[in-house]
């Protein structure tokens, strides 16, 4: 697996999972709310905050959505174009929030949905681009982003492996091999039964890139499973109030949930440890109290030849005692001293 550097964070084998708080449109048109959510994300242990950079007229067709009754957008009470317009992230705020996040030790980035947005993000110094699932087949845009030479987080929701491979090859064709692949199910919220965490294993088999999950299921089960399967990036929608109006608030994590997720991910990573299988310090007493050793079933006088009937195998097993696996070697030896009934045998007591 390649190691990819984003800001002062490394993404790859041996490094902690990179956690992204997807603020998206949840700033609700207020730069002060955006800053508040950035602060909360920092407090919750996020490594990065993410927004979306689009202009309504450059991402959706008003005519195209007239009367269209499919997908999660069909449930919106307002026109699709009106919802998008309210969610626009002003370009003049990009640098302000980039600097604000950087001062707080957070990586700030965005998913650009037009070439002007790509250039704006590049000019302010973003250290990574996100390509949303919906643009994975817009290969012209994929290549345009790839030319900037910065790491790319590629979401793969509602995509086939053929489409994913085409996008990966488009990025690589521009000499960019700093790719992070995110499994994703593009529904809000998505179902556990559709999560297909094992797709991560397929990505790992096919590509030499870090993988992760852009997750829309409730809670942190899928993120934990992702990390357990070697995933290195977790992205979750983030808000401070799920009851606020707007398309992303209801299925987003609140600060308490996000912090719990991050804390549990860090505990899981700590539990991974290494491949050194041994008796760990906290088990040293357990070795004594739970293991058995060879003990005198009856009193054994000095010089007595030891027979099996004189022995029994019982807990505890002091450090110098003889383990049961050596029973056959003990039988036939003679006692070098008197061994009281119930006492543990040691090699010094027999010859």
Protein backbone atom coordinates (compact mmCIF):
# COMPACT_ATOMS: atom_id res chain seq x y z
CA UNK A 1 0.00 0.00 0.00
CA UNK A 2 1.29 3.42 -0.94
CA UNK A 3 1.66 6.00 1.80
CA UNK A 4 0.11 9.35 0.92
CA UNK A 5 0.84 12.59 2.76
CA UNK A 6 -1.95 15.12 3.27
CA UNK A 7 -0.87 18.16 5.24
CA UNK A 8 1.02 16.79 8.21
CA UNK A 9 -0.90 13.51 8.14
CA UNK A 10 0.20 10.25 6.55
CA UNK A 11 -2.32 7.80 5.15
CA UNK A 12 -1.15 4.24 4.75
CA UNK A 13 -0.09 1.10 6.56
CA UNK A 14 0.94 1.74 10.14
CA UNK A 15 -0.74 5.14 10.42
CA UNK A 16 -3.99 6.03 12.24
CA UNK A 17 -7.16 6.21 10.18
CA UNK A 18 -7.77 9.66 8.69
CA UNK A 19 -11.17 10.90 9.88
CA UNK A 20 -13.13 13.45 7.86
CA UNK A 21 -16.05 15.50 9.14
CA UNK A 22 -18.15 16.19 6.05
CA UNK A 23 -19.71 19.56 6.80
CA UNK A 24 -20.98 19.83 3.23
CA UNK A 25 -24.00 22.11 3.17
CA UNK A 26 -24.62 21.97 6.92
CA UNK A 27 -23.17 25.45 7.44
CA UNK A 28 -26.63 26.63 6.29
CA UNK A 29 -25.41 29.71 4.47
CA UNK A 30 -23.54 31.12 7.46
CA UNK A 31 -19.77 31.47 7.66
CA UNK A 32 -20.06 31.71 11.44
CA UNK A 33 -21.87 28.36 11.51
CA UNK A 34 -19.17 26.94 9.26
CA UNK A 35 -16.52 28.08 11.75
CA UNK A 36 -18.52 26.67 14.65
CA UNK A 37 -18.74 23.26 12.94
CA UNK A 38 -15.02 23.35 12.19
CA UNK A 39 -14.32 24.01 15.88
CA UNK A 40 -16.64 21.18 16.93
CA UNK A 41 -15.01 18.81 14.46
CA UNK A 42 -11.62 19.59 15.96
CA UNK A 43 -12.94 18.95 19.47
CA UNK A 44 -14.34 15.60 18.32
CA UNK A 45 -10.98 14.38 17.03
CA UNK A 46 -11.48 14.85 13.30
CA UNK A 47 -8.37 15.08 11.14
CA UNK A 48 -10.09 17.02 8.36
CA UNK A 49 -13.20 18.96 7.46
CA UNK A 50 -14.75 18.85 4.02
CA UNK A 51 -17.08 21.11 2.07
CA UNK A 52 -18.55 21.06 -1.45
CA UNK A 53 -17.73 23.65 -4.08
CA UNK A 54 -20.42 24.06 -6.69
CA UNK A 55 -22.62 26.62 -8.41
CA UNK A 56 -26.15 25.44 -9.02
CA UNK A 57 -26.23 26.28 -12.71
CA UNK A 58 -23.03 24.28 -13.23
CA UNK A 59 -24.16 21.11 -11.47
CA UNK A 60 -27.89 20.57 -12.07
CA UNK A 61 -30.38 21.16 -14.87
CA UNK A 62 -33.62 22.76 -13.68
CA UNK A 63 -35.48 21.37 -16.70
CA UNK A 64 -33.95 17.95 -16.18
CA UNK A 65 -35.33 17.69 -12.65
CA UNK A 66 -38.83 18.97 -13.49
CA UNK A 67 -41.24 16.16 -12.74
CA UNK A 68 -38.42 13.69 -12.02
CA UNK A 69 -39.58 11.35 -9.23
CA UNK A 70 -36.59 9.10 -8.60
CA UNK A 71 -33.91 8.89 -5.93
CA UNK A 72 -33.57 10.57 -2.57
CA UNK A 73 -34.11 14.00 -4.16
CA UNK A 74 -37.69 13.08 -5.09
CA UNK A 75 -38.62 13.51 -1.42
CA UNK A 76 -37.47 17.12 -1.24
CA UNK A 77 -40.29 19.61 -0.70
CA UNK A 78 -38.54 22.35 -2.64
CA UNK A 79 -37.31 22.35 -6.22
CA UNK A 80 -33.96 20.64 -6.58
CA UNK A 81 -32.38 23.82 -7.93
CA UNK A 82 -33.64 25.80 -4.93
CA UNK A 83 -32.17 23.28 -2.50
CA UNK A 84 -28.82 23.38 -4.29
CA UNK A 85 -28.84 27.17 -4.43
CA UNK A 86 -29.31 27.40 -0.66
CA UNK A 87 -26.45 24.97 -0.17
CA UNK A 88 -23.92 26.82 -2.32
CA UNK A 89 -20.60 27.49 -0.63
CA UNK A 90 -19.42 31.00 -1.57
CA UNK A 91 -16.06 30.98 -3.32
CA UNK A 92 -14.88 33.99 -1.30
CA UNK A 93 -15.20 31.92 1.88
CA UNK A 94 -12.86 29.18 0.70
CA UNK A 95 -9.59 30.86 1.67
CA UNK A 96 -11.04 32.21 4.93
CA UNK A 97 -12.13 28.76 6.11
CA UNK A 98 -9.00 27.09 4.73
CA UNK A 99 -6.87 29.38 6.91
CA UNK A 100 -9.25 29.07 9.86
CA UNK A 101 -9.02 25.25 9.76
CA UNK A 102 -5.27 25.22 9.26
CA UNK A 103 -4.80 27.40 12.36
CA UNK A 104 -6.66 24.71 14.29
CA UNK A 105 -4.55 21.89 12.96
CA UNK A 106 -7.21 20.55 10.61
CA UNK A 107 -6.91 19.66 6.95
CA UNK A 108 -9.51 21.66 5.02
CA UNK A 109 -10.62 20.54 1.59
CA UNK A 110 -13.61 20.40 -0.70
CA UNK A 111 -15.15 18.47 -3.57
CA UNK A 112 -15.10 20.73 -6.65
CA UNK A 113 -17.92 20.36 -9.18
CA UNK A 114 -16.65 22.69 -11.90
CA UNK A 115 -13.23 23.62 -13.25
CA UNK A 116 -13.31 27.11 -11.77
CA UNK A 117 -13.77 25.51 -8.34
CA UNK A 118 -10.79 23.25 -8.99
CA UNK A 119 -8.63 26.26 -9.80
CA UNK A 120 -9.87 28.20 -6.77
CA UNK A 121 -9.06 25.30 -4.43
CA UNK A 122 -5.66 24.83 -6.01
CA UNK A 123 -4.82 28.53 -5.72
CA UNK A 124 -5.64 28.73 -2.00
CA UNK A 125 -3.37 25.76 -1.37
CA UNK A 126 -5.64 22.79 -0.60
CA UNK A 127 -3.60 19.65 -0.04
CA UNK A 128 -6.12 17.13 -1.34
CA UNK A 129 -9.08 17.01 -3.73
CA UNK A 130 -12.24 14.97 -3.36
CA UNK A 131 -14.03 13.64 -6.42
CA UNK A 132 -17.63 12.92 -5.50
CA UNK A 133 -19.28 9.71 -6.62
CA UNK A 134 -21.56 11.53 -9.04
CA UNK A 135 -18.64 12.78 -11.13
CA UNK A 136 -16.73 9.51 -11.45
CA UNK A 137 -17.74 9.15 -15.12
CA UNK A 138 -16.88 12.78 -16.00
CA UNK A 139 -13.39 11.76 -16.99
CA UNK A 140 -12.50 15.16 -18.44
CA UNK A 141 -13.02 16.63 -14.96
CA UNK A 142 -11.23 13.71 -13.31
CA UNK A 143 -8.17 14.35 -15.47
CA UNK A 144 -8.36 18.11 -14.89
CA UNK A 145 -8.20 17.55 -11.13
CA UNK A 146 -5.47 14.94 -11.51
CA UNK A 147 -3.28 17.44 -13.38
CA UNK A 148 -2.98 19.52 -10.23
CA UNK A 149 -0.71 16.76 -8.92
CA UNK A 150 -2.30 16.61 -5.47
CA UNK A 151 -3.73 13.58 -3.66
CA UNK A 152 -7.23 12.62 -4.75
CA UNK A 153 -9.91 10.99 -2.64
CA UNK A 154 -12.13 9.15 -5.10
CA UNK A 155 -15.61 8.19 -3.91
CA UNK A 156 -17.14 5.20 -5.70
CA UNK A 157 -20.83 5.30 -4.78
CA UNK A 158 -23.30 3.99 -7.40
CA UNK A 159 -20.36 2.90 -9.57
CA UNK A 160 -19.33 -0.30 -11.30
CA UNK A 161 -15.80 -1.66 -11.12
CA UNK A 162 -15.37 -0.80 -14.79
CA UNK A 163 -16.23 2.84 -14.08
CA UNK A 164 -13.94 2.93 -11.06
CA UNK A 165 -11.09 1.47 -13.07
CA UNK A 166 -11.62 4.03 -15.83
CA UNK A 167 -11.44 6.87 -13.30
CA UNK A 168 -8.30 5.44 -11.66
CA UNK A 169 -6.63 5.08 -15.05
CA UNK A 170 -7.65 8.64 -15.98
CA UNK A 171 -5.93 9.95 -12.85
CA UNK A 172 -2.86 7.82 -13.44
CA UNK A 173 -2.70 8.96 -17.09
CA UNK A 174 -1.87 12.46 -15.80
CA UNK A 175 1.08 11.12 -13.81
CA UNK A 176 -0.82 11.25 -10.54
CA UNK A 177 -0.60 8.12 -8.39
CA UNK A 178 -1.75 9.66 -5.12
CA UNK A 179 -5.19 8.10 -4.97
CA UNK A 180 -7.39 7.06 -2.05
CA UNK A 181 -10.39 4.89 -2.94
CA UNK A 182 -13.53 5.14 -0.82
CA UNK A 183 -16.28 2.58 -0.89
CA UNK A 184 -19.62 4.37 -0.71
CA UNK A 185 -23.34 3.72 -1.06
CA UNK A 186 -25.01 6.83 -2.43
CA UNK A 187 -28.23 6.93 -0.47
CA UNK A 188 -29.14 9.03 2.56
CA UNK A 189 -29.18 7.15 4.85
CA UNK A 190 -27.87 3.97 3.26
CA UNK A 191 -28.61 0.44 4.48
CA UNK A 192 -26.26 -1.85 6.37
CA UNK A 193 -27.15 -4.63 3.96
CA UNK A 194 -25.76 -2.58 1.08
CA UNK A 195 -22.53 -1.54 2.82
CA UNK A 196 -20.48 -4.36 1.24
CA UNK A 197 -17.36 -3.80 3.29
CA UNK A 198 -15.70 -6.66 1.43
CA UNK A 199 -15.40 -4.36 -1.58
CA UNK A 200 -12.46 -2.90 0.33
CA UNK A 201 -10.68 -6.24 -0.05
CA UNK A 202 -11.28 -6.08 -3.79
CA UNK A 203 -9.86 -2.56 -3.97
CA UNK A 204 -6.83 -3.69 -1.97
CA UNK A 205 -6.32 -6.62 -4.31
CA UNK A 206 -6.59 -4.56 -7.49
CA UNK A 207 -4.83 -1.35 -6.51
CA UNK A 208 -1.80 -0.32 -4.51
CA UNK A 209 -3.66 2.57 -2.92
CA UNK A 210 -5.12 3.28 0.53
CA UNK A 211 -8.83 2.57 0.84
CA UNK A 212 -11.59 3.78 3.11
CA UNK A 213 -15.29 4.48 3.36
CA UNK A 214 -17.55 7.47 2.74
CA UNK A 215 -20.33 6.25 4.97
CA UNK A 216 -24.01 7.13 5.08
CA UNK A 217 -25.27 4.38 7.38
CA UNK A 218 -26.40 5.30 10.91
CA UNK A 219 -23.78 5.15 13.65
CA UNK A 220 -20.22 3.91 13.45
CA UNK A 221 -20.55 0.17 12.75
CA UNK A 222 -19.42 0.53 9.15
CA UNK A 223 -16.48 2.85 10.01
CA UNK A 224 -15.28 0.38 12.66
CA UNK A 225 -15.58 -2.48 10.19
CA UNK A 226 -13.68 -0.43 7.63
CA UNK A 227 -10.75 0.12 9.97
CA UNK A 228 -10.81 -3.55 10.99
CA UNK A 229 -10.47 -4.48 7.31
CA UNK A 230 -7.52 -2.19 6.74
CA UNK A 231 -9.35 0.97 5.72
CA UNK A 232 -7.37 4.17 6.27
CA UNK A 233 -9.95 6.92 5.67
CA UNK A 234 -13.39 7.46 7.21
CA UNK A 235 -15.75 10.18 6.05
CA UNK A 236 -19.03 10.96 7.82
CA UNK A 237 -21.48 13.84 7.46
CA UNK A 238 -21.29 16.18 10.44
CA UNK A 239 -23.74 18.59 12.09
CA UNK A 240 -24.47 20.06 15.50
CA UNK A 241 -28.23 19.62 15.17
CA UNK A 242 -29.97 16.87 13.21
CA UNK A 243 -33.32 18.66 13.42
CA UNK A 244 -32.21 21.67 11.38
CA UNK A 245 -33.76 22.04 7.91
CA UNK A 246 -31.57 20.97 5.03
CA UNK A 247 -30.87 17.78 3.06
CA UNK A 248 -27.81 16.58 5.03
CA UNK A 249 -28.65 17.29 8.68
CA UNK A 250 -30.91 14.28 9.41
CA UNK A 251 -28.37 11.59 8.45
CA UNK A 252 -25.28 13.39 9.79
CA UNK A 253 -23.41 12.58 13.00
CA UNK A 254 -23.65 15.03 15.86
CA UNK A 255 -20.53 15.91 17.88
CA UNK A 256 -21.15 13.28 20.56
CA UNK A 257 -21.55 10.54 17.95
CA UNK A 258 -18.54 11.65 15.92
CA UNK A 259 -16.32 11.79 19.00
CA UNK A 260 -17.50 8.34 20.09
CA UNK A 261 -16.67 7.00 16.64
CA UNK A 262 -13.18 8.51 16.64
CA UNK A 263 -12.48 7.36 20.19
CA UNK A 264 -13.52 3.81 19.36
CA UNK A 265 -11.48 3.79 16.17
CA UNK A 266 -8.42 4.81 18.17
CA UNK A 267 -9.10 2.06 20.70
CA UNK A 268 -9.44 -0.46 17.88
CA UNK A 269 -6.18 0.69 16.34
CA UNK A 270 -4.49 0.34 19.72
CA UNK A 271 -5.89 -3.16 19.98
CA UNK A 272 -4.35 -4.14 16.62
CA UNK A 273 -0.91 -4.19 18.24
CA UNK A 274 1.60 -6.24 16.28
CA UNK A 275 2.40 -9.82 15.31
CA UNK A 276 4.57 -10.41 18.39
CA UNK A 277 2.61 -13.15 20.19
CA UNK A 278 3.93 -13.51 23.72
CA UNK A 279 2.92 -13.27 27.35
CA UNK A 280 2.04 -9.62 27.78
CA UNK A 281 2.84 -7.73 31.00
CA UNK A 282 -0.76 -7.69 32.20
CA UNK A 283 -0.87 -11.50 31.84
CA UNK A 284 2.15 -12.31 33.97
CA UNK A 285 0.08 -13.02 37.07
CA UNK A 286 -2.52 -14.85 35.01
CA UNK A 287 0.16 -17.30 33.91
CA UNK A 288 0.67 -18.24 37.55
CA UNK A 289 -2.94 -18.50 38.67
CA UNK A 290 -4.47 -20.14 35.59
CA UNK A 291 -1.79 -22.58 34.48
CA UNK A 292 -1.24 -25.99 36.07
CA UNK A 293 1.98 -27.49 37.29
CA UNK A 294 3.10 -30.88 38.56
CA UNK A 295 2.49 -31.24 42.31
CA UNK A 296 3.09 -33.96 44.87
CA UNK A 297 -0.10 -35.91 45.38
CA UNK A 298 1.47 -37.51 48.46
CA UNK A 299 4.54 -36.72 50.50
CA UNK A 300 7.65 -37.73 48.54
CA UNK A 301 10.72 -38.52 50.65
CA UNK A 302 14.26 -37.62 49.58
CA UNK A 303 15.72 -40.34 47.33
CA UNK A 304 12.33 -41.75 46.34
CA UNK A 305 11.92 -42.75 42.71
CA UNK A 306 8.96 -40.78 41.45
CA UNK A 307 5.98 -42.65 40.03
CA UNK A 308 2.99 -41.22 38.19
CA UNK A 309 0.64 -42.11 41.06
CA UNK A 310 2.59 -39.74 43.31
CA UNK A 311 1.78 -36.74 41.14
CA UNK A 312 -1.16 -34.56 40.21
CA UNK A 313 -1.61 -31.60 37.89
CA UNK A 314 -3.19 -28.55 39.53
CA UNK A 315 -3.23 -24.76 39.58
CA UNK A 316 -1.42 -22.44 40.34
CA UNK A 317 1.93 -22.74 38.58
CA UNK A 318 4.72 -20.68 40.24
CA UNK A 319 7.48 -19.45 37.94
CA UNK A 320 9.96 -22.23 38.79
CA UNK A 321 7.39 -25.06 38.73
CA UNK A 322 7.34 -27.84 36.13
CA UNK A 323 4.56 -27.72 33.54
CA UNK A 324 2.45 -30.85 32.83
CA UNK A 325 4.00 -31.26 29.39
CA UNK A 326 7.16 -32.53 31.14
CA UNK A 327 5.33 -35.22 33.15
CA UNK A 328 7.01 -38.13 31.38
CA UNK A 329 10.44 -36.64 32.06
CA UNK A 330 9.65 -36.32 35.77
CA UNK A 331 8.53 -39.94 36.15
CA UNK A 332 11.49 -42.14 37.13
CA UNK A 333 13.53 -39.27 38.59
CA UNK A 334 14.44 -39.30 42.28
CA UNK A 335 13.67 -36.61 44.81
CA UNK A 336 16.71 -34.57 45.94
CA UNK A 337 14.84 -33.42 49.04
CA UNK A 338 11.62 -34.11 50.90
CA UNK A 339 8.64 -32.82 48.89
CA UNK A 340 5.55 -32.22 51.04
CA UNK A 341 2.11 -33.22 49.79
CA UNK A 342 0.66 -30.52 47.49
CA UNK A 343 4.00 -28.79 46.86
CA UNK A 344 4.95 -27.86 43.29
CA UNK A 345 7.87 -29.79 41.80
CA UNK A 346 10.85 -27.90 40.41
CA UNK A 347 13.82 -29.22 38.49
CA UNK A 348 16.03 -28.50 41.53
CA UNK A 349 13.98 -30.96 43.62
CA UNK A 350 14.56 -33.94 41.30
CA UNK A 351 17.43 -35.55 39.43
